N, C-alpha and C. Protein backbone atom coordinates (compact mmCIF):
# COMPACT_ATOMS: atom_id res chain seq x y z
N ALA A 1 -0.85 -0.84 20.93
CA ALA A 1 -1.52 -0.31 19.73
C ALA A 1 -3.14 -0.50 19.98
N PRO A 2 -3.97 0.76 19.66
CA PRO A 2 -5.34 0.54 19.87
C PRO A 2 -6.03 -0.64 18.84
N ASP A 3 -7.07 -1.14 19.22
CA ASP A 3 -7.52 -2.13 18.42
C ASP A 3 -9.17 -1.17 17.74
N HIS A 4 -9.19 -1.20 16.16
CA HIS A 4 -10.02 -0.22 15.83
C HIS A 4 -10.97 -1.02 15.16
N GLY A 5 -10.70 -2.36 15.01
CA GLY A 5 -11.47 -3.25 14.03
C GLY A 5 -10.71 -4.13 13.23
N SER A 6 -11.36 -4.94 12.70
CA SER A 6 -10.71 -6.19 11.74
C SER A 6 -11.51 -6.17 10.57
N ALA A 7 -10.83 -6.56 9.34
CA ALA A 7 -11.63 -6.82 8.25
C ALA A 7 -12.43 -8.00 8.29
N ASN A 8 -12.05 -9.08 8.92
CA ASN A 8 -12.52 -10.26 8.93
C ASN A 8 -13.96 -10.39 9.49
N VAL A 9 -14.18 -9.07 10.44
CA VAL A 9 -15.64 -9.01 11.12
C VAL A 9 -16.28 -8.28 9.87
N VAL A 10 -15.84 -7.43 9.09
CA VAL A 10 -16.59 -6.79 8.12
C VAL A 10 -16.84 -7.51 7.03
N VAL A 11 -15.99 -8.46 6.20
CA VAL A 11 -16.16 -9.20 5.28
C VAL A 11 -15.76 -10.72 5.30
N PRO A 12 -16.07 -11.66 4.78
CA PRO A 12 -15.55 -13.13 4.94
C PRO A 12 -14.37 -12.80 3.92
N ASP A 13 -13.32 -12.42 4.33
CA ASP A 13 -12.25 -12.43 3.49
C ASP A 13 -10.98 -12.30 4.28
N VAL A 14 -9.67 -12.15 3.70
CA VAL A 14 -8.58 -12.55 4.17
C VAL A 14 -7.87 -11.09 4.32
N ALA A 15 -7.45 -10.75 5.38
CA ALA A 15 -6.69 -9.40 5.37
C ALA A 15 -4.97 -10.02 5.05
N ARG A 16 -4.81 -8.98 3.79
CA ARG A 16 -3.11 -9.21 3.33
C ARG A 16 -2.31 -8.13 3.73
N ALA A 17 -2.76 -6.68 4.01
CA ALA A 17 -1.81 -5.85 4.38
C ALA A 17 -2.55 -4.85 5.25
N LEU A 18 -1.77 -4.11 6.08
CA LEU A 18 -2.05 -3.17 7.11
C LEU A 18 -1.09 -1.77 6.90
N ALA A 19 -2.01 -0.85 6.72
CA ALA A 19 -1.22 0.48 6.58
C ALA A 19 -2.05 1.41 7.67
N ALA A 20 -1.15 1.77 8.78
CA ALA A 20 -1.73 2.43 10.19
C ALA A 20 -1.10 3.95 10.05
N LYS A 21 -2.19 4.72 10.42
CA LYS A 21 -1.99 6.19 10.27
C LYS A 21 -0.79 6.66 11.22
N PRO A 22 0.07 7.55 10.93
CA PRO A 22 1.36 7.62 11.83
C PRO A 22 1.04 8.22 13.07
N ASP A 23 -0.27 8.61 13.49
CA ASP A 23 -0.59 8.94 14.84
C ASP A 23 -1.00 7.85 15.51
N GLY A 24 -1.61 6.56 15.01
CA GLY A 24 -1.89 5.30 15.38
C GLY A 24 -3.58 5.45 15.62
N SER A 25 -4.20 6.71 15.04
CA SER A 25 -5.55 6.53 15.63
C SER A 25 -6.50 5.86 14.54
N GLY A 26 -5.72 5.01 13.52
CA GLY A 26 -6.78 4.42 12.60
C GLY A 26 -5.86 3.75 11.58
N TYR A 27 -6.02 2.72 10.78
CA TYR A 27 -5.55 1.91 9.62
C TYR A 27 -6.42 1.45 8.65
N LEU A 28 -6.00 1.20 7.57
CA LEU A 28 -6.63 0.63 6.43
C LEU A 28 -6.00 -0.80 6.18
N VAL A 29 -6.87 -1.65 6.25
CA VAL A 29 -6.72 -2.97 5.81
C VAL A 29 -7.20 -3.52 4.43
N ALA A 30 -6.05 -3.92 3.87
CA ALA A 30 -6.15 -4.55 2.47
C ALA A 30 -6.49 -5.81 2.47
N THR A 31 -7.35 -6.35 1.34
CA THR A 31 -7.47 -8.04 1.50
C THR A 31 -7.23 -8.63 0.26
N LEU A 32 -7.15 -9.67 0.45
CA LEU A 32 -6.79 -10.76 -1.10
C LEU A 32 -8.09 -10.60 -1.90
N GLU A 33 -9.14 -10.22 -1.76
CA GLU A 33 -10.27 -10.09 -2.57
C GLU A 33 -10.22 -8.55 -3.41
N GLU A 34 -8.90 -7.56 -3.03
CA GLU A 34 -8.66 -6.34 -3.68
C GLU A 34 -9.75 -5.24 -2.96
N GLN A 35 -10.09 -5.43 -1.40
CA GLN A 35 -10.84 -4.66 -0.80
C GLN A 35 -9.71 -3.84 0.14
N ILE A 36 -10.24 -2.40 0.65
CA ILE A 36 -9.53 -1.72 1.35
C ILE A 36 -10.74 -1.28 2.41
N HIS A 37 -10.28 -1.70 3.62
CA HIS A 37 -11.43 -1.24 5.00
C HIS A 37 -10.64 -0.15 5.56
N ALA A 38 -11.60 1.04 5.87
CA ALA A 38 -11.11 1.94 6.94
C ALA A 38 -11.52 1.67 8.41
N PHE A 39 -10.48 1.92 9.20
CA PHE A 39 -10.98 1.54 10.74
C PHE A 39 -10.43 2.64 11.61
N GLY A 40 -10.90 2.79 12.62
CA GLY A 40 -10.55 4.25 13.38
C GLY A 40 -10.95 5.52 12.86
N SER A 41 -9.73 6.55 12.89
CA SER A 41 -9.89 7.61 12.06
C SER A 41 -9.30 7.64 10.44
N ALA A 42 -9.01 6.44 9.98
CA ALA A 42 -8.22 6.33 8.68
C ALA A 42 -9.44 6.50 7.79
N VAL A 43 -9.16 7.33 6.77
CA VAL A 43 -10.24 7.37 5.72
C VAL A 43 -9.90 6.35 4.48
N GLY A 44 -11.12 5.93 4.08
CA GLY A 44 -10.96 4.72 3.01
C GLY A 44 -10.85 5.24 1.91
N PRO A 45 -10.86 4.33 0.99
CA PRO A 45 -10.65 4.87 -0.67
C PRO A 45 -11.66 5.52 -0.98
N SER A 46 -11.19 6.43 -1.74
CA SER A 46 -11.98 7.33 -2.58
C SER A 46 -12.74 7.12 -3.71
N GLU A 47 -13.61 7.46 -4.52
CA GLU A 47 -14.24 6.96 -5.62
C GLU A 47 -13.15 7.01 -6.80
N ASP A 48 -12.18 7.81 -6.71
CA ASP A 48 -11.21 7.62 -7.70
C ASP A 48 -10.46 6.34 -7.49
N ASP A 49 -9.96 6.20 -6.16
CA ASP A 49 -8.92 4.89 -5.58
C ASP A 49 -10.06 3.68 -6.15
N LEU A 50 -11.22 3.71 -5.80
CA LEU A 50 -11.97 2.49 -6.00
C LEU A 50 -12.10 2.17 -7.63
N GLU A 51 -12.36 3.22 -8.27
CA GLU A 51 -11.97 3.16 -9.87
C GLU A 51 -11.08 2.46 -10.43
N LEU A 52 -10.07 3.05 -9.66
CA LEU A 52 -8.61 2.49 -10.10
C LEU A 52 -8.05 0.94 -9.85
N ILE A 53 -8.59 0.57 -8.54
CA ILE A 53 -8.38 -0.69 -8.19
C ILE A 53 -9.53 -1.79 -8.87
N ASP A 54 -10.83 -1.19 -8.79
CA ASP A 54 -11.96 -2.00 -9.17
C ASP A 54 -12.38 -1.98 -10.62
N THR A 55 -12.80 -1.10 -11.29
CA THR A 55 -13.21 -1.05 -12.48
C THR A 55 -12.20 -1.24 -13.61
N GLU A 56 -11.16 -0.21 -13.59
CA GLU A 56 -10.12 -0.33 -14.64
C GLU A 56 -9.48 -1.63 -14.46
N HIS A 57 -9.44 -2.13 -13.40
CA HIS A 57 -8.31 -3.34 -12.97
C HIS A 57 -7.13 -3.37 -13.31
N GLN A 58 -6.73 -2.22 -12.86
CA GLN A 58 -5.35 -1.65 -12.93
C GLN A 58 -4.30 -2.13 -11.92
N VAL A 59 -4.99 -2.62 -10.84
CA VAL A 59 -4.31 -3.33 -9.62
C VAL A 59 -4.55 -4.53 -9.73
N ARG A 60 -3.49 -5.78 -9.90
CA ARG A 60 -3.96 -7.28 -9.74
C ARG A 60 -3.51 -7.95 -8.27
N GLY A 61 -4.23 -7.73 -7.58
CA GLY A 61 -3.90 -8.61 -6.25
C GLY A 61 -3.08 -7.58 -5.41
N ILE A 62 -3.48 -7.37 -4.18
CA ILE A 62 -2.69 -6.17 -3.40
C ILE A 62 -1.57 -7.46 -2.75
N VAL A 63 -0.52 -6.60 -2.56
CA VAL A 63 0.52 -7.46 -1.69
C VAL A 63 0.62 -6.77 -0.55
N ASP A 64 0.88 -5.52 -0.83
CA ASP A 64 1.17 -4.73 0.51
C ASP A 64 0.80 -3.23 0.29
N LEU A 65 0.45 -2.81 1.47
CA LEU A 65 0.06 -1.33 1.56
C LEU A 65 0.96 -0.56 2.59
N ALA A 66 1.22 0.63 2.31
CA ALA A 66 2.23 1.64 3.13
C ALA A 66 1.56 2.80 3.23
N ALA A 67 1.38 3.53 4.62
CA ALA A 67 0.91 5.02 4.62
C ALA A 67 2.26 5.87 3.93
N VAL A 68 1.90 6.93 3.34
CA VAL A 68 2.85 7.79 3.11
C VAL A 68 2.87 8.80 3.85
N PRO A 69 4.29 9.42 4.73
CA PRO A 69 3.91 10.37 5.73
C PRO A 69 3.58 11.71 5.42
N GLY A 70 3.35 12.10 4.19
CA GLY A 70 2.57 13.24 3.71
C GLY A 70 1.20 13.10 3.50
N GLY A 71 0.61 11.61 3.47
CA GLY A 71 -0.59 11.86 3.17
C GLY A 71 -0.80 10.80 2.43
N GLY A 72 -1.90 9.58 2.35
CA GLY A 72 -2.17 8.98 1.07
C GLY A 72 -1.38 7.66 1.44
N GLN A 73 -1.36 6.70 0.57
CA GLN A 73 -1.11 5.22 0.62
C GLN A 73 -0.22 4.77 -0.72
N VAL A 74 0.76 3.98 -0.46
CA VAL A 74 1.29 3.42 -1.68
C VAL A 74 0.89 1.83 -1.57
N LEU A 75 0.28 1.24 -2.64
CA LEU A 75 -0.27 -0.01 -2.75
C LEU A 75 0.88 -0.91 -3.72
N LEU A 76 1.32 -1.99 -3.28
CA LEU A 76 2.08 -2.95 -3.88
C LEU A 76 1.17 -3.82 -4.65
N ASP A 77 0.99 -4.14 -5.99
CA ASP A 77 0.33 -5.05 -6.56
C ASP A 77 1.23 -6.35 -6.97
N ALA A 78 0.45 -7.47 -7.19
CA ALA A 78 1.13 -8.63 -7.38
C ALA A 78 2.06 -8.48 -8.74
N ARG A 79 1.80 -7.58 -9.67
CA ARG A 79 2.53 -7.54 -10.95
C ARG A 79 3.98 -6.44 -10.47
N GLY A 80 3.98 -6.20 -8.96
CA GLY A 80 5.35 -5.42 -8.66
C GLY A 80 5.13 -4.01 -8.79
N GLN A 81 4.04 -3.44 -9.45
CA GLN A 81 3.60 -2.12 -9.48
C GLN A 81 3.28 -1.28 -8.17
N LEU A 82 3.70 -0.18 -8.15
CA LEU A 82 3.40 0.84 -6.99
C LEU A 82 2.18 1.55 -7.43
N VAL A 83 1.10 1.79 -6.80
CA VAL A 83 -0.25 2.58 -7.08
C VAL A 83 -0.45 3.53 -5.90
N ALA A 84 -0.54 5.01 -6.40
CA ALA A 84 -0.92 6.02 -5.26
C ALA A 84 -2.37 6.23 -5.03
N LEU A 85 -2.47 5.85 -3.80
CA LEU A 85 -4.03 5.79 -3.42
C LEU A 85 -3.98 7.07 -2.15
N GLY A 86 -5.70 7.69 -2.38
CA GLY A 86 -5.66 8.58 -0.95
C GLY A 86 -4.56 10.01 -1.19
N GLY A 87 -4.80 10.28 -2.53
CA GLY A 87 -4.03 11.60 -2.79
C GLY A 87 -2.49 11.78 -2.70
N ALA A 88 -2.18 10.42 -2.67
CA ALA A 88 -0.24 10.39 -2.48
C ALA A 88 -0.16 10.64 -3.65
N ASP A 89 1.29 11.41 -3.42
CA ASP A 89 1.99 12.08 -4.55
C ASP A 89 3.09 10.81 -5.27
N ASP A 90 2.73 10.53 -6.48
CA ASP A 90 3.43 9.28 -7.11
C ASP A 90 4.29 9.93 -7.77
N THR A 91 4.72 11.26 -7.81
CA THR A 91 5.98 11.55 -8.47
C THR A 91 7.23 11.17 -7.64
N GLU A 92 6.96 10.77 -6.71
CA GLU A 92 8.02 10.23 -5.88
C GLU A 92 8.96 9.03 -6.39
N TRP A 93 8.07 8.11 -7.43
CA TRP A 93 8.52 6.95 -7.62
C TRP A 93 8.16 6.70 -9.22
N GLU A 94 8.67 8.03 -9.85
CA GLU A 94 8.68 8.15 -11.26
C GLU A 94 9.72 7.13 -11.74
N GLY A 95 9.63 6.62 -12.60
CA GLY A 95 10.70 5.74 -13.22
C GLY A 95 10.82 4.40 -12.83
N TRP A 96 9.97 3.87 -11.46
CA TRP A 96 9.92 2.59 -11.07
C TRP A 96 9.60 1.64 -12.01
N ALA A 97 10.40 0.78 -12.14
CA ALA A 97 10.30 -0.51 -12.77
C ALA A 97 9.43 -1.53 -11.97
N SER A 98 8.77 -2.29 -12.63
CA SER A 98 7.76 -3.06 -11.66
C SER A 98 8.66 -4.34 -11.49
N VAL A 99 8.67 -5.05 -10.45
CA VAL A 99 9.59 -6.20 -10.36
C VAL A 99 8.41 -7.73 -10.23
N ASP A 100 9.33 -8.79 -10.56
CA ASP A 100 8.33 -9.85 -10.58
C ASP A 100 8.68 -10.39 -9.02
N ASN A 101 7.29 -11.25 -8.47
CA ASN A 101 7.03 -11.92 -7.56
C ASN A 101 7.24 -11.04 -6.37
N PRO A 102 6.67 -9.93 -6.21
CA PRO A 102 6.94 -8.74 -5.04
C PRO A 102 6.31 -9.51 -3.43
N HIS A 103 6.81 -8.97 -2.49
CA HIS A 103 6.45 -9.81 -1.24
C HIS A 103 6.08 -8.96 -0.40
N ALA A 104 6.90 -7.52 -0.24
CA ALA A 104 6.50 -6.45 0.55
C ALA A 104 6.99 -5.25 0.24
N LEU A 105 6.68 -4.42 0.84
CA LEU A 105 6.80 -2.86 0.53
C LEU A 105 7.18 -2.24 2.02
N VAL A 106 8.38 -1.48 1.98
CA VAL A 106 8.55 -0.25 3.06
C VAL A 106 8.99 1.17 2.63
N LEU A 107 8.30 2.12 3.26
CA LEU A 107 8.87 3.48 2.80
C LEU A 107 9.89 3.94 3.63
N THR A 108 10.49 4.97 3.32
CA THR A 108 11.66 5.50 4.00
C THR A 108 10.65 6.80 4.89
N PRO A 109 11.48 7.04 5.89
CA PRO A 109 10.50 7.93 6.83
C PRO A 109 9.93 8.89 6.01
N THR A 110 10.92 9.55 5.20
CA THR A 110 10.50 10.94 4.29
C THR A 110 9.09 10.50 3.44
N GLY A 111 9.12 9.33 3.15
CA GLY A 111 8.02 8.68 1.83
C GLY A 111 8.41 9.12 0.66
N ARG A 112 9.62 9.41 0.47
CA ARG A 112 9.96 9.99 -0.84
C ARG A 112 11.28 8.51 -1.44
N GLY A 113 10.85 7.51 -0.63
CA GLY A 113 11.80 6.63 -1.32
C GLY A 113 11.38 5.02 -0.68
N GLY A 114 11.90 4.05 -1.29
CA GLY A 114 11.44 2.78 -0.45
C GLY A 114 12.11 1.58 -1.26
N VAL A 115 11.51 0.53 -0.40
CA VAL A 115 12.20 -0.65 -1.08
C VAL A 115 11.09 -1.95 -1.15
N VAL A 116 11.21 -2.40 -2.06
CA VAL A 116 10.07 -3.86 -2.43
C VAL A 116 11.18 -4.83 -2.18
N ILE A 117 10.86 -5.83 -1.65
CA ILE A 117 11.25 -7.03 -1.82
C ILE A 117 10.33 -8.01 -2.61
N ALA A 118 11.26 -8.79 -3.30
CA ALA A 118 10.92 -9.53 -4.57
C ALA A 118 11.44 -10.80 -4.85
N GLY A 119 10.76 -11.87 -5.16
CA GLY A 119 11.58 -12.91 -5.59
C GLY A 119 12.22 -13.67 -4.05
N ALA A 120 13.49 -14.32 -4.25
CA ALA A 120 14.17 -14.92 -3.44
C ALA A 120 15.15 -13.93 -2.68
N ASP A 121 15.46 -13.07 -3.93
CA ASP A 121 16.50 -12.56 -2.83
C ASP A 121 17.22 -11.02 -3.60
N LEU A 122 15.59 -10.35 -4.17
CA LEU A 122 15.98 -9.08 -4.65
C LEU A 122 15.31 -7.99 -3.72
N LEU A 123 16.11 -7.08 -3.64
CA LEU A 123 15.85 -5.72 -2.87
C LEU A 123 15.71 -4.53 -4.02
N ALA A 124 14.66 -4.07 -4.50
CA ALA A 124 14.77 -3.02 -5.38
C ALA A 124 14.24 -1.72 -4.68
N ALA A 125 15.37 -0.80 -4.89
CA ALA A 125 15.03 0.58 -4.00
C ALA A 125 14.95 1.80 -5.13
N TRP A 126 14.09 2.76 -4.65
CA TRP A 126 14.24 3.83 -5.16
C TRP A 126 14.07 5.25 -4.27
N GLY A 127 14.36 6.35 -4.61
CA GLY A 127 14.08 7.52 -4.19
C GLY A 127 15.29 7.81 -3.09
N ASP A 128 15.13 8.26 -1.63
CA ASP A 128 15.91 8.60 -0.93
C ASP A 128 16.32 7.38 -0.07
N VAL A 129 16.44 6.15 -0.43
CA VAL A 129 17.04 4.99 0.14
C VAL A 129 18.45 5.07 0.29
N PRO A 130 19.14 4.93 1.23
CA PRO A 130 20.50 5.23 1.53
C PRO A 130 21.28 4.28 0.64
N LEU A 131 22.30 4.12 -0.25
CA LEU A 131 23.01 2.93 -0.78
C LEU A 131 23.99 2.73 0.39
N PRO A 132 24.25 1.43 0.45
CA PRO A 132 25.31 0.82 1.42
C PRO A 132 26.70 1.24 1.02
């Protein structure tokens, strides 16, 4: 994978999550200080995204970040909430109920579903995740 830079070079913070562009030409790095840095051809957060994260304090601690195949990103915060960034279509996870103690997020290849790992033994799924 090409190296387009590191958040630790930009700011004395700790990288928490990485969302790569599908073509590998760039990525976003989210940090513990709730900052998102763009590298390569990735586009950084818009003013609306920054307002959502910083000004309104709707995001409480970034846990994970995933690129949506159709564009944008999904952010998982420490309260187990999903937040649409970069113009992502959040109608795909309408009805999502936040989970306690979230650890990680993965999206389906379509971006219309996903799974959040929470607590010691919970997998919370939505959308087009295939059922066992």
